[in-house]
């Protein structure tokens, strides 16, 4: 069975406080200002954030088995 994945698909992810810090540090490390970052991250009232799948992989893909510390997997 072959599964096709569209990396431009929008996904909703629930970040933990550590995940929000990691997300902020990712943008800080590529020299964006804190003000621009605050306008970039959108968290709804249930703590979910929208990502395009490829962006999520760029930011969180290198965490491996530690991903559950950054993202609520439930």
C-alpha atoms as a PDB file:
ATOM      1  CA  UNK A   1       0.000   0.000   0.000  1.00  0.00           C
ATOM      2  CA  UNK A   2       1.336   3.404  -0.961  1.00  0.00           C
ATOM      3  CA  UNK A   3       0.480   6.519   1.044  1.00  0.00           C
ATOM      4  CA  UNK A   4       0.894   9.955  -0.490  1.00  0.00           C
ATOM      5  CA  UNK A   5       1.716  12.843   1.803  1.00  0.00           C
ATOM      6  CA  UNK A   6       1.299  16.451   0.783  1.00  0.00           C
ATOM      7  CA  UNK A   7       3.960  18.484   2.627  1.00  0.00           C
ATOM      8  CA  UNK A   8       1.953  21.666   1.979  1.00  0.00           C
ATOM      9  CA  UNK A   9      -1.013  20.286   3.916  1.00  0.00           C
ATOM     10  CA  UNK A  10      -1.938  22.284   7.021  1.00  0.00           C
ATOM     11  CA  UNK A  11      -1.821  20.335  10.279  1.00  0.00           C
ATOM     12  CA  UNK A  12      -2.923  21.324  13.794  1.00  0.00           C
ATOM     13  CA  UNK A  13      -0.511  20.525  16.606  1.00  0.00           C
ATOM     14  CA  UNK A  14      -0.851  21.039  20.347  1.00  0.00           C
ATOM     15  CA  UNK A  15       2.462  22.400  21.658  1.00  0.00           C
ATOM     16  CA  UNK A  16       3.647  21.988  25.226  1.00  0.00           C
ATOM     17  CA  UNK A  17       5.269  24.979  26.979  1.00  0.00           C
ATOM     18  CA  UNK A  18       8.656  23.464  26.034  1.00  0.00           C
ATOM     19  CA  UNK A  19       7.444  23.218  22.425  1.00  0.00           C
ATOM     20  CA  UNK A  20       6.431  26.879  22.390  1.00  0.00           C
ATOM     21  CA  UNK A  21       9.916  27.808  23.666  1.00  0.00           C
ATOM     22  CA  UNK A  22      11.504  25.628  20.986  1.00  0.00           C
ATOM     23  CA  UNK A  23       9.337  27.274  18.318  1.00  0.00           C
ATOM     24  CA  UNK A  24      10.337  30.748  19.546  1.00  0.00           C
ATOM     25  CA  UNK A  25      14.045  29.803  19.658  1.00  0.00           C
ATOM     26  CA  UNK A  26      13.854  28.452  16.107  1.00  0.00           C
ATOM     27  CA  UNK A  27      12.738  31.852  14.868  1.00  0.00           C
ATOM     28  CA  UNK A  28      15.164  33.718  17.112  1.00  0.00           C
ATOM     29  CA  UNK A  29      18.000  31.621  15.736  1.00  0.00           C
ATOM     30  CA  UNK A  30      17.182  32.697  12.194  1.00  0.00           C
ATOM     31  CA  UNK A  31      17.321  36.331  13.337  1.00  0.00           C
ATOM     32  CA  UNK A  32      13.667  37.314  13.378  1.00  0.00           C
ATOM     33  CA  UNK A  33      12.635  39.829  16.015  1.00  0.00           C
ATOM     34  CA  UNK A  34      10.464  38.878  18.978  1.00  0.00           C
ATOM     35  CA  UNK A  35       7.745  41.257  17.738  1.00  0.00           C
ATOM     36  CA  UNK A  36       7.643  39.536  14.349  1.00  0.00           C
ATOM     37  CA  UNK A  37       7.580  36.141  16.050  1.00  0.00           C
ATOM     38  CA  UNK A  38       4.619  37.122  18.224  1.00  0.00           C
ATOM     39  CA  UNK A  39       2.739  38.073  15.072  1.00  0.00           C
ATOM     40  CA  UNK A  40       3.728  34.776  13.447  1.00  0.00           C
ATOM     41  CA  UNK A  41       2.678  32.224  16.055  1.00  0.00           C
ATOM     42  CA  UNK A  42      -1.062  31.723  16.373  1.00  0.00           C
ATOM     43  CA  UNK A  43      -2.304  29.530  19.206  1.00  0.00           C
ATOM     44  CA  UNK A  44      -6.040  28.967  19.558  1.00  0.00           C
ATOM     45  CA  UNK A  45      -7.857  28.775  22.895  1.00  0.00           C
ATOM     46  CA  UNK A  46      -7.282  24.986  23.032  1.00  0.00           C
ATOM     47  CA  UNK A  47      -3.485  25.492  22.594  1.00  0.00           C
ATOM     48  CA  UNK A  48      -3.372  24.229  18.997  1.00  0.00           C
ATOM     49  CA  UNK A  49      -1.097  25.775  16.377  1.00  0.00           C
ATOM     50  CA  UNK A  50      -1.400  25.459  12.592  1.00  0.00           C
ATOM     51  CA  UNK A  51       1.667  24.454  10.582  1.00  0.00           C
ATOM     52  CA  UNK A  52       2.261  23.444   7.043  1.00  0.00           C
ATOM     53  CA  UNK A  53       3.610  19.913   7.355  1.00  0.00           C
ATOM     54  CA  UNK A  54       7.025  20.802   5.902  1.00  0.00           C
ATOM     55  CA  UNK A  55       7.429  23.667   8.410  1.00  0.00           C
ATOM     56  CA  UNK A  56       6.587  21.370  11.305  1.00  0.00           C
ATOM     57  CA  UNK A  57       9.242  18.905  10.100  1.00  0.00           C
ATOM     58  CA  UNK A  58      11.815  21.712   9.766  1.00  0.00           C
ATOM     59  CA  UNK A  59      11.184  22.948  13.300  1.00  0.00           C
ATOM     60  CA  UNK A  60      10.481  19.741  15.239  1.00  0.00           C
ATOM     61  CA  UNK A  61      11.708  16.908  12.996  1.00  0.00           C
ATOM     62  CA  UNK A  62      15.154  16.600  14.569  1.00  0.00           C
ATOM     63  CA  UNK A  63      13.831  15.863  18.052  1.00  0.00           C
ATOM     64  CA  UNK A  64      13.287  12.162  17.450  1.00  0.00           C
ATOM     65  CA  UNK A  65      12.103  10.308  20.535  1.00  0.00           C
ATOM     66  CA  UNK A  66      11.946  13.559  22.522  1.00  0.00           C
ATOM     67  CA  UNK A  67       9.058  14.883  20.395  1.00  0.00           C
ATOM     68  CA  UNK A  68       6.525  14.045  23.125  1.00  0.00           C
ATOM     69  CA  UNK A  69       8.206  16.639  25.383  1.00  0.00           C
ATOM     70  CA  UNK A  70       7.470  19.357  22.791  1.00  0.00           C
ATOM     71  CA  UNK A  71       4.168  18.229  21.293  1.00  0.00           C
ATOM     72  CA  UNK A  72       1.138  16.736  23.033  1.00  0.00           C
ATOM     73  CA  UNK A  73       0.763  13.389  21.226  1.00  0.00           C
ATOM     74  CA  UNK A  74      -2.579  12.457  22.847  1.00  0.00           C
END
